[in-house]
Amino acid sequence: MELLTIKGTNLNTPVYRGFASIKDIATISAPDTFKQDTNPEGLQRDLSKRHALEGYEYARLAQEYPDSYRLWPEVIINIRDRSVIDEPELVNGQQNLWKIVVHEDRIDKNLTPPQISRTDGNHRLFYGEGLPLQGLPPLDIPTPFSLTIGLDAQREASFFVDINDNLKRMNTSHLYHLLRRVVGTELLAQEKPTVWLANKLVEDPESPFHGIVYLGGEKEKVQGLDRRVTLAHLRTGIEMMLKGSILLGASKNIENTHKLIRTYWSAVARAFSQEWADSKRYLLLRGFGIWSMSILGAGILDRCFRRAIDINLYEDEIVAYLKQTRIDVDWDRSEGNVRHYGGRLGAKELADKMAHSLSDEDATMAKLIKGLESLS
């Protein structure tokens, strides 16, 4: 396959730009799909088949109704494996027309990562080759493309973040995880502390969120794994805690902030152990559940701080506070009393309801009883 292109610079990145059939670009390229367990360095988010079919139909109808003008932005592909192409060659007699020969027989679409990756435009290209058995013919329709050569996965991931966050604001779990990968740790902690903290809770083996958070990408069925919290919901919960807590707001060390938040959630996992372990039956780890407990946690952490509790005793104290709220909430999905709550407003309402049951005296008494029980 020969691609005729114009060589130039897009902002500060060398690119080759041109036009080709959608089916041809789809045939030579493939998505590097992020899979939390089997391809953790992947790029693309989980595919929306509906979105991909909408893109297919949009392009197909452009051919069927030529008087109904349609267009879309260029797709961006990156040739990671240079062995599948010949080096770009300047076309004789042309000032800036470059020919790129792609050897289709050298491309194995089953490889992970792909030899030619779809940096942007996977949904538009996904059905480009067609699905004859489902009545979808290949799209032999021209599309603009931009092609880069030899970018490593890290640089390509940074472009994906730039396109989907800085320009389109795709705030998803997948994007938050990619930010952790492509932005330096110190810079991310300074510029997006809630994203840093959410990823830290996922990575920390002492955190109750370790191993149970969905980071985006293609969902895999792995025996023994139940990813019942999304990174996006967790990040929003952390944002609520930081805004609501005087103690967390005053913390100047993000590592210490992480330890305080981790301590709180460890206490939640203890106080609501059954609800934490069974997300199919209980709603605690749904989005509004994470958010309501985050808002409540901001107040509980401040109570511990005002009472000058030894930091080593924070978790036990928080557990005592949380047990006071069990009278207010039944997280059972079918028979509980929180099923009608939802969203941020619902989370705030539920958190306020639980906060009314908090008592410093009861927490102190619980501490005394525990101390007495430990005496021989």
Protein backbone atom coordinates (compact mmCIF):
# COMPACT_ATOMS: atom_id res chain seq x y z
CA MET A 1 0.00 0.00 0.00
CA GLU A 2 1.34 3.43 -0.94
CA LEU A 3 0.40 6.54 1.03
CA LEU A 4 1.06 9.95 -0.50
CA THR A 5 1.67 12.57 2.16
CA ILE A 6 2.90 16.05 2.87
CA LYS A 7 5.60 16.33 5.52
CA GLY A 8 5.29 19.05 8.11
CA THR A 9 5.27 19.92 11.79
CA ASN A 10 2.17 19.88 13.97
CA LEU A 11 3.06 22.31 16.77
CA ASN A 12 6.44 20.69 17.54
CA THR A 13 5.96 17.11 16.29
CA PRO A 14 7.04 15.93 12.81
CA VAL A 15 4.10 14.41 10.93
CA TYR A 16 3.08 13.14 7.52
CA ARG A 17 -0.42 14.16 6.49
CA GLY A 18 -2.58 12.90 3.68
CA PHE A 19 -5.78 11.21 2.55
CA ALA A 20 -6.56 7.51 2.14
CA SER A 21 -9.48 5.14 2.16
CA ILE A 22 -10.95 4.48 5.60
CA LYS A 23 -10.73 0.73 4.98
CA ASP A 24 -7.04 1.00 4.09
CA ILE A 25 -6.10 2.95 7.23
CA ALA A 26 -8.23 0.57 9.30
CA THR A 27 -6.59 -2.46 7.69
CA ILE A 28 -3.02 -1.48 8.52
CA SER A 29 -3.65 -0.09 12.02
CA ALA A 30 -5.05 -1.40 15.31
CA PRO A 31 -5.90 0.01 18.75
CA ASP A 32 -3.48 -0.53 21.62
CA THR A 33 -6.28 -1.16 24.10
CA PHE A 34 -5.55 -0.68 27.79
CA LYS A 35 -6.26 -3.86 29.74
CA GLN A 36 -5.66 -3.58 33.45
CA ASP A 37 -4.31 -7.13 33.79
CA THR A 38 -2.95 -8.23 30.40
CA ASN A 39 -1.93 -4.93 28.75
CA PRO A 40 -1.35 -2.36 31.52
CA GLU A 41 0.73 -0.14 29.21
CA GLY A 42 -2.06 0.07 26.63
CA LEU A 43 -3.45 3.33 25.35
CA GLN A 44 -7.05 3.16 24.17
CA ARG A 45 -10.10 3.17 26.46
CA ASP A 46 -12.79 0.51 26.39
CA LEU A 47 -14.52 0.53 23.01
CA SER A 48 -18.09 1.79 22.77
CA LYS A 49 -19.54 -0.33 19.97
CA ARG A 50 -22.48 2.03 19.71
CA HIS A 51 -20.16 5.00 19.21
CA ALA A 52 -18.15 3.04 16.65
CA LEU A 53 -21.29 2.08 14.71
CA GLU A 54 -22.44 5.71 14.75
CA GLY A 55 -19.10 6.68 13.21
CA TYR A 56 -19.44 3.96 10.60
CA GLU A 57 -22.95 5.08 9.65
CA TYR A 58 -21.90 8.73 9.49
CA ALA A 59 -19.17 7.87 6.98
CA ARG A 60 -21.27 5.39 5.03
CA LEU A 61 -24.08 7.90 4.52
CA ALA A 62 -21.57 10.42 3.17
CA GLN A 63 -21.05 8.04 0.27
CA GLU A 64 -24.73 7.19 -0.10
CA TYR A 65 -25.83 10.84 -0.09
CA PRO A 66 -22.99 12.79 -1.76
CA ASP A 67 -24.99 16.04 -1.76
CA SER A 68 -25.22 15.95 2.05
CA TYR A 69 -21.76 17.23 2.85
CA ARG A 70 -19.98 15.58 5.77
CA LEU A 71 -16.48 15.62 7.23
CA TRP A 72 -14.60 14.69 10.37
CA PRO A 73 -11.17 15.50 11.85
CA GLU A 74 -8.13 13.55 10.72
CA VAL A 75 -7.37 10.26 12.38
CA ILE A 76 -3.91 9.94 13.90
CA ILE A 77 -1.82 6.79 13.57
CA ASN A 78 1.70 6.03 14.79
CA ILE A 79 4.05 3.58 13.12
CA ARG A 80 5.70 1.94 16.11
CA ASP A 81 7.42 -0.84 14.15
CA ARG A 82 9.48 0.69 11.34
CA SER A 83 10.00 -2.72 9.74
CA VAL A 84 6.48 -2.66 8.26
CA ILE A 85 7.28 0.37 6.06
CA ASP A 86 9.97 1.61 3.75
CA GLU A 87 11.57 4.87 4.75
CA PRO A 88 9.53 7.83 3.40
CA GLU A 89 10.70 8.76 -0.08
CA LEU A 90 10.42 12.14 -1.75
CA VAL A 91 8.38 11.84 -4.96
CA ASN A 92 10.41 12.85 -8.01
CA GLY A 93 9.82 16.39 -9.15
CA GLN A 94 7.67 17.31 -6.17
CA GLN A 95 8.77 19.82 -3.57
CA ASN A 96 7.18 18.22 -0.49
CA LEU A 97 5.26 15.12 -1.56
CA TRP A 98 6.41 12.01 0.27
CA LYS A 99 5.57 8.39 -0.52
CA ILE A 100 5.29 5.93 2.35
CA VAL A 101 5.09 2.26 1.35
CA VAL A 102 3.35 0.05 3.90
CA HIS A 103 4.00 -3.69 3.60
CA GLU A 104 0.69 -5.25 4.60
CA ASP A 105 2.18 -8.75 4.53
CA ARG A 106 4.46 -7.77 7.42
CA ILE A 107 1.60 -6.67 9.64
CA ASP A 108 0.16 -9.04 12.22
CA LYS A 109 -3.06 -7.56 13.63
CA ASN A 110 -2.99 -10.01 16.55
CA LEU A 111 0.16 -8.52 18.06
CA THR A 112 0.02 -6.58 21.32
CA PRO A 113 1.05 -3.82 21.16
CA PRO A 114 0.17 -3.20 17.49
CA GLN A 115 2.80 -2.39 14.91
CA ILE A 116 0.77 0.61 13.70
CA SER A 117 -1.20 2.13 16.54
CA ARG A 118 -4.31 4.31 16.43
CA THR A 119 -3.38 7.31 18.55
CA ASP A 120 -6.73 9.01 17.94
CA GLY A 121 -9.73 7.94 15.89
CA ASN A 122 -10.16 4.31 16.94
CA HIS A 123 -13.96 4.59 17.05
CA ARG A 124 -14.02 6.04 13.53
CA LEU A 125 -11.76 3.30 12.19
CA PHE A 126 -13.00 0.32 14.16
CA TYR A 127 -15.56 -0.92 11.61
CA GLY A 128 -13.73 0.56 8.63
CA GLU A 129 -12.72 -2.86 7.29
CA GLY A 130 -16.40 -3.86 7.43
CA LEU A 131 -18.18 -6.86 8.90
CA PRO A 132 -19.67 -8.72 5.92
CA LEU A 133 -21.45 -11.29 8.08
CA GLN A 134 -23.29 -8.45 9.81
CA GLY A 135 -24.03 -6.58 6.61
CA LEU A 136 -21.37 -3.92 7.06
CA PRO A 137 -19.30 -3.51 3.85
CA PRO A 138 -15.81 -1.97 4.01
CA LEU A 139 -15.74 1.83 3.90
CA ASP A 140 -13.97 2.72 0.67
CA ILE A 141 -14.32 6.41 1.48
CA PRO A 142 -11.44 8.90 1.85
CA THR A 143 -10.46 10.19 5.26
CA PRO A 144 -7.74 12.61 6.30
CA PHE A 145 -4.95 11.11 8.37
CA SER A 146 -1.91 12.26 10.25
CA LEU A 147 0.95 9.81 10.60
CA THR A 148 3.87 9.80 13.01
CA ILE A 149 6.81 7.43 12.84
CA GLY A 150 8.65 5.86 15.74
CA LEU A 151 6.99 7.53 18.70
CA ASP A 152 7.34 5.43 21.84
CA ALA A 153 4.28 4.36 23.83
CA GLN A 154 4.89 6.99 26.52
CA ARG A 155 4.91 9.87 24.03
CA GLU A 156 1.87 8.49 22.24
CA ALA A 157 0.03 8.22 25.56
CA SER A 158 0.83 11.85 26.32
CA PHE A 159 -0.74 12.86 22.99
CA PHE A 160 -3.83 10.82 23.85
CA VAL A 161 -4.12 12.71 27.15
CA ASP A 162 -3.58 16.07 25.44
CA ILE A 163 -6.31 15.37 22.88
CA ASN A 164 -8.88 13.91 25.28
CA ASP A 165 -8.24 15.99 28.41
CA ASN A 166 -6.86 19.37 27.42
CA LEU A 167 -9.03 19.66 24.31
CA LYS A 168 -12.10 17.43 24.77
CA ARG A 169 -12.16 17.12 28.57
CA MET A 170 -12.82 13.38 28.66
CA ASN A 171 -12.75 13.00 32.44
CA THR A 172 -12.82 9.23 32.88
CA SER A 173 -11.12 6.60 35.01
CA HIS A 174 -8.97 5.70 32.00
CA LEU A 175 -7.82 9.28 31.57
CA TYR A 176 -6.95 9.65 35.27
CA HIS A 177 -4.86 6.50 35.09
CA LEU A 178 -3.06 7.69 31.94
CA LEU A 179 -2.26 11.00 33.64
CA ARG A 180 -0.49 9.01 36.34
CA ARG A 181 1.59 7.29 33.66
CA VAL A 182 2.54 10.23 31.46
CA VAL A 183 2.96 13.06 33.99
CA GLY A 184 5.85 13.00 36.41
CA THR A 185 4.87 12.06 39.96
CA GLU A 186 5.94 15.35 41.53
CA LEU A 187 4.28 17.45 38.83
CA LEU A 188 1.05 15.45 39.04
CA ALA A 189 1.01 15.82 42.83
CA GLN A 190 1.33 19.58 42.45
CA GLU A 191 -1.04 20.18 39.54
CA LYS A 192 -3.66 17.44 40.04
CA PRO A 193 -3.37 16.26 43.66
CA THR A 194 -6.71 14.44 43.65
CA VAL A 195 -5.61 12.36 40.65
CA TRP A 196 -2.31 11.59 42.37
CA LEU A 197 -4.05 10.60 45.60
CA ALA A 198 -6.61 8.38 43.85
CA ASN A 199 -3.89 6.51 41.97
CA LYS A 200 -1.81 6.25 45.15
CA LEU A 201 -4.72 4.60 46.97
CA VAL A 202 -4.96 2.07 44.15
CA GLU A 203 -1.23 1.31 44.08
CA ASP A 204 -0.62 1.20 47.84
CA PRO A 205 -0.76 -2.46 48.99
CA GLU A 206 -1.85 -1.28 52.46
CA SER A 207 -4.87 0.53 51.02
CA PRO A 208 -8.29 -1.18 51.09
CA PHE A 209 -8.71 -0.02 47.48
CA HIS A 210 -5.69 -1.97 46.30
CA GLY A 211 -6.81 -4.40 43.60
CA ILE A 212 -10.51 -3.45 43.56
CA VAL A 213 -10.51 -0.29 41.42
CA TYR A 214 -11.39 -0.24 37.71
CA LEU A 215 -8.87 1.95 35.87
CA GLY A 216 -10.66 2.10 32.51
CA GLY A 217 -9.88 0.34 29.27
CA GLU A 218 -11.30 -2.98 28.16
CA LYS A 219 -12.98 -4.91 30.97
CA GLU A 220 -11.49 -8.34 31.46
CA LYS A 221 -12.96 -11.27 33.34
CA VAL A 222 -10.21 -12.46 35.65
CA GLN A 223 -11.02 -15.13 38.19
CA GLY A 224 -10.86 -13.88 41.76
CA LEU A 225 -10.96 -10.18 40.83
CA ASP A 226 -13.91 -7.91 41.54
CA ARG A 227 -13.17 -4.35 40.51
CA ARG A 228 -16.14 -2.66 42.11
CA VAL A 229 -14.96 0.97 42.36
CA THR A 230 -14.07 3.30 39.48
CA LEU A 231 -11.02 5.52 39.65
CA ALA A 232 -13.16 8.48 38.61
CA HIS A 233 -15.58 8.03 41.53
CA LEU A 234 -12.68 7.62 43.94
CA ARG A 235 -11.00 10.79 42.68
CA THR A 236 -14.22 12.76 43.10
CA GLY A 237 -14.59 11.40 46.63
CA ILE A 238 -11.08 12.55 47.49
CA GLU A 239 -11.88 15.98 46.10
CA MET A 240 -14.91 16.12 48.42
CA MET A 241 -12.78 15.11 51.41
CA LEU A 242 -10.15 17.76 50.72
CA LYS A 243 -12.78 20.48 50.39
CA GLY A 244 -14.66 19.42 53.53
CA SER A 245 -11.81 18.76 55.97
CA ILE A 246 -9.87 21.45 57.80
CA LEU A 247 -7.22 18.87 58.71
CA LEU A 248 -6.68 17.67 55.14
CA GLY A 249 -6.82 21.20 53.79
CA ALA A 250 -4.08 22.27 56.18
CA SER A 251 -1.79 19.37 55.27
CA LYS A 252 1.15 20.55 53.19
CA ASN A 253 2.61 17.09 52.58
CA ILE A 254 0.68 15.02 50.06
CA GLU A 255 2.17 11.76 51.38
CA ASN A 256 0.76 12.57 54.83
CA THR A 257 -2.57 13.45 53.24
CA HIS A 258 -2.57 10.05 51.55
CA LYS A 259 -1.90 8.28 54.86
CA LEU A 260 -4.79 10.08 56.56
CA ILE A 261 -7.21 9.25 53.74
CA ARG A 262 -5.98 5.65 53.64
CA THR A 263 -6.49 5.37 57.40
CA TYR A 264 -10.05 6.58 57.07
CA TRP A 265 -10.94 4.14 54.31
CA SER A 266 -9.29 1.27 56.18
CA ALA A 267 -11.66 2.08 59.03
CA VAL A 268 -14.63 2.11 56.62
CA ALA A 269 -13.63 -1.33 55.33
CA ARG A 270 -13.56 -2.57 58.94
CA ALA A 271 -16.74 -0.93 60.17
CA PHE A 272 -18.70 -2.03 57.08
CA SER A 273 -16.79 -5.23 56.36
CA GLN A 274 -19.75 -7.13 54.94
CA GLU A 275 -20.84 -4.27 52.72
CA TRP A 276 -17.25 -3.72 51.55
CA ALA A 277 -16.80 -7.35 50.58
CA ASP A 278 -20.07 -7.84 48.69
CA SER A 279 -20.70 -5.11 46.12
CA LYS A 280 -23.37 -7.16 44.36
CA ARG A 281 -25.62 -7.12 47.40
CA TYR A 282 -24.68 -3.77 48.92
CA LEU A 283 -24.41 -0.23 47.53
CA LEU A 284 -21.61 1.10 49.71
CA LEU A 285 -19.05 1.10 46.89
CA ARG A 286 -21.32 2.63 44.28
CA GLY A 287 -20.49 6.19 43.24
CA PHE A 288 -22.90 7.92 45.64
CA GLY A 289 -21.77 5.56 48.43
CA ILE A 290 -18.11 6.47 47.96
CA TRP A 291 -19.04 10.14 47.85
CA SER A 292 -21.30 10.12 50.92
CA MET A 293 -18.66 8.29 52.96
CA SER A 294 -16.02 10.75 51.70
CA ILE A 295 -18.05 13.75 52.86
CA LEU A 296 -18.67 12.04 56.20
CA GLY A 297 -14.97 11.19 56.47
CA ALA A 298 -13.94 14.84 56.22
CA GLY A 299 -15.93 15.61 59.38
CA ILE A 300 -14.74 12.52 61.24
CA LEU A 301 -11.07 13.24 60.55
CA ASP A 302 -11.55 16.78 61.87
CA ARG A 303 -13.18 15.41 65.05
CA CYS A 304 -10.17 13.20 65.68
CA PHE A 305 -7.87 16.16 65.11
CA ARG A 306 -9.79 18.45 67.48
CA ARG A 307 -9.70 15.78 70.19
CA ALA A 308 -5.93 15.47 69.78
CA ILE A 309 -6.16 11.73 69.21
CA ASP A 310 -2.82 9.95 68.85
CA ILE A 311 -2.33 9.35 65.11
CA ASN A 312 -1.68 5.66 65.80
CA LEU A 313 -5.19 5.40 67.25
CA TYR A 314 -6.99 7.19 64.42
CA GLU A 315 -8.26 4.04 62.71
CA ASP A 316 -9.83 2.62 65.87
CA GLU A 317 -11.40 5.98 66.68
CA ILE A 318 -12.83 6.30 63.19
CA VAL A 319 -14.26 2.79 63.38
CA ALA A 320 -16.02 3.79 66.61
CA TYR A 321 -17.51 6.86 64.91
CA LEU A 322 -18.62 4.90 61.86
CA LYS A 323 -20.39 2.29 63.94
CA GLN A 324 -22.55 5.10 65.33
CA THR A 325 -23.91 5.68 61.82
CA ARG A 326 -25.08 2.12 61.24
CA ILE A 327 -28.42 3.07 62.78
CA ASP A 328 -28.96 5.47 59.85
CA VAL A 329 -27.97 3.37 56.86
CA ASP A 330 -28.76 -0.02 55.42
CA TRP A 331 -26.72 -0.45 52.25
CA ASP A 332 -28.64 -3.51 51.06
CA ARG A 333 -29.38 -3.13 47.35
CA SER A 334 -32.87 -4.68 47.60
CA GLU A 335 -34.13 -3.96 51.09
CA GLY A 336 -31.98 -1.08 52.35
CA ASN A 337 -32.92 2.55 52.94
CA VAL A 338 -30.36 4.23 50.65
CA ARG A 339 -31.62 3.03 47.27
CA HIS A 340 -33.27 6.34 46.40
CA TYR A 341 -30.08 8.37 46.91
CA GLY A 342 -27.94 9.24 43.92
CA GLY A 343 -25.46 11.76 42.56
CA ARG A 344 -23.61 14.42 44.48
CA LEU A 345 -26.71 15.94 46.03
CA GLY A 346 -27.89 12.55 47.23
CA ALA A 347 -24.45 11.82 48.64
CA LYS A 348 -24.45 15.11 50.56
CA GLU A 349 -27.92 14.42 51.94
CA LEU A 350 -26.94 10.93 53.08
CA ALA A 351 -23.68 12.15 54.63
CA ASP A 352 -25.54 14.84 56.59
CA LYS A 353 -27.98 12.21 57.85
CA MET A 354 -25.15 10.02 59.13
CA ALA A 355 -23.27 12.99 60.62
CA HIS A 356 -26.20 13.75 62.94
CA SER A 357 -25.52 10.45 64.74
CA LEU A 358 -21.87 11.21 65.48
CA SER A 359 -21.02 11.78 69.14
CA ASP A 360 -17.60 12.44 70.64
CA GLU A 361 -18.81 11.11 73.98
CA ASP A 362 -19.88 7.81 72.46
CA ALA A 363 -16.54 7.50 70.68
CA THR A 364 -14.69 8.16 73.94
CA MET A 365 -16.85 5.59 75.73
CA ALA A 366 -16.14 3.02 73.02
CA LYS A 367 -12.43 3.65 73.49
CA LEU A 368 -12.79 3.19 77.28
CA ILE A 369 -14.71 -0.05 76.89
CA LYS A 370 -12.11 -1.42 74.50
CA GLY A 371 -9.38 -0.52 76.97
CA LEU A 372 -11.19 -2.23 79.82
CA GLU A 373 -11.73 -5.36 77.75
CA SER A 374 -8.00 -5.56 77.13
CA LEU A 375 -7.26 -5.68 80.86
CA SER A 376 -6.64 -9.10 82.30
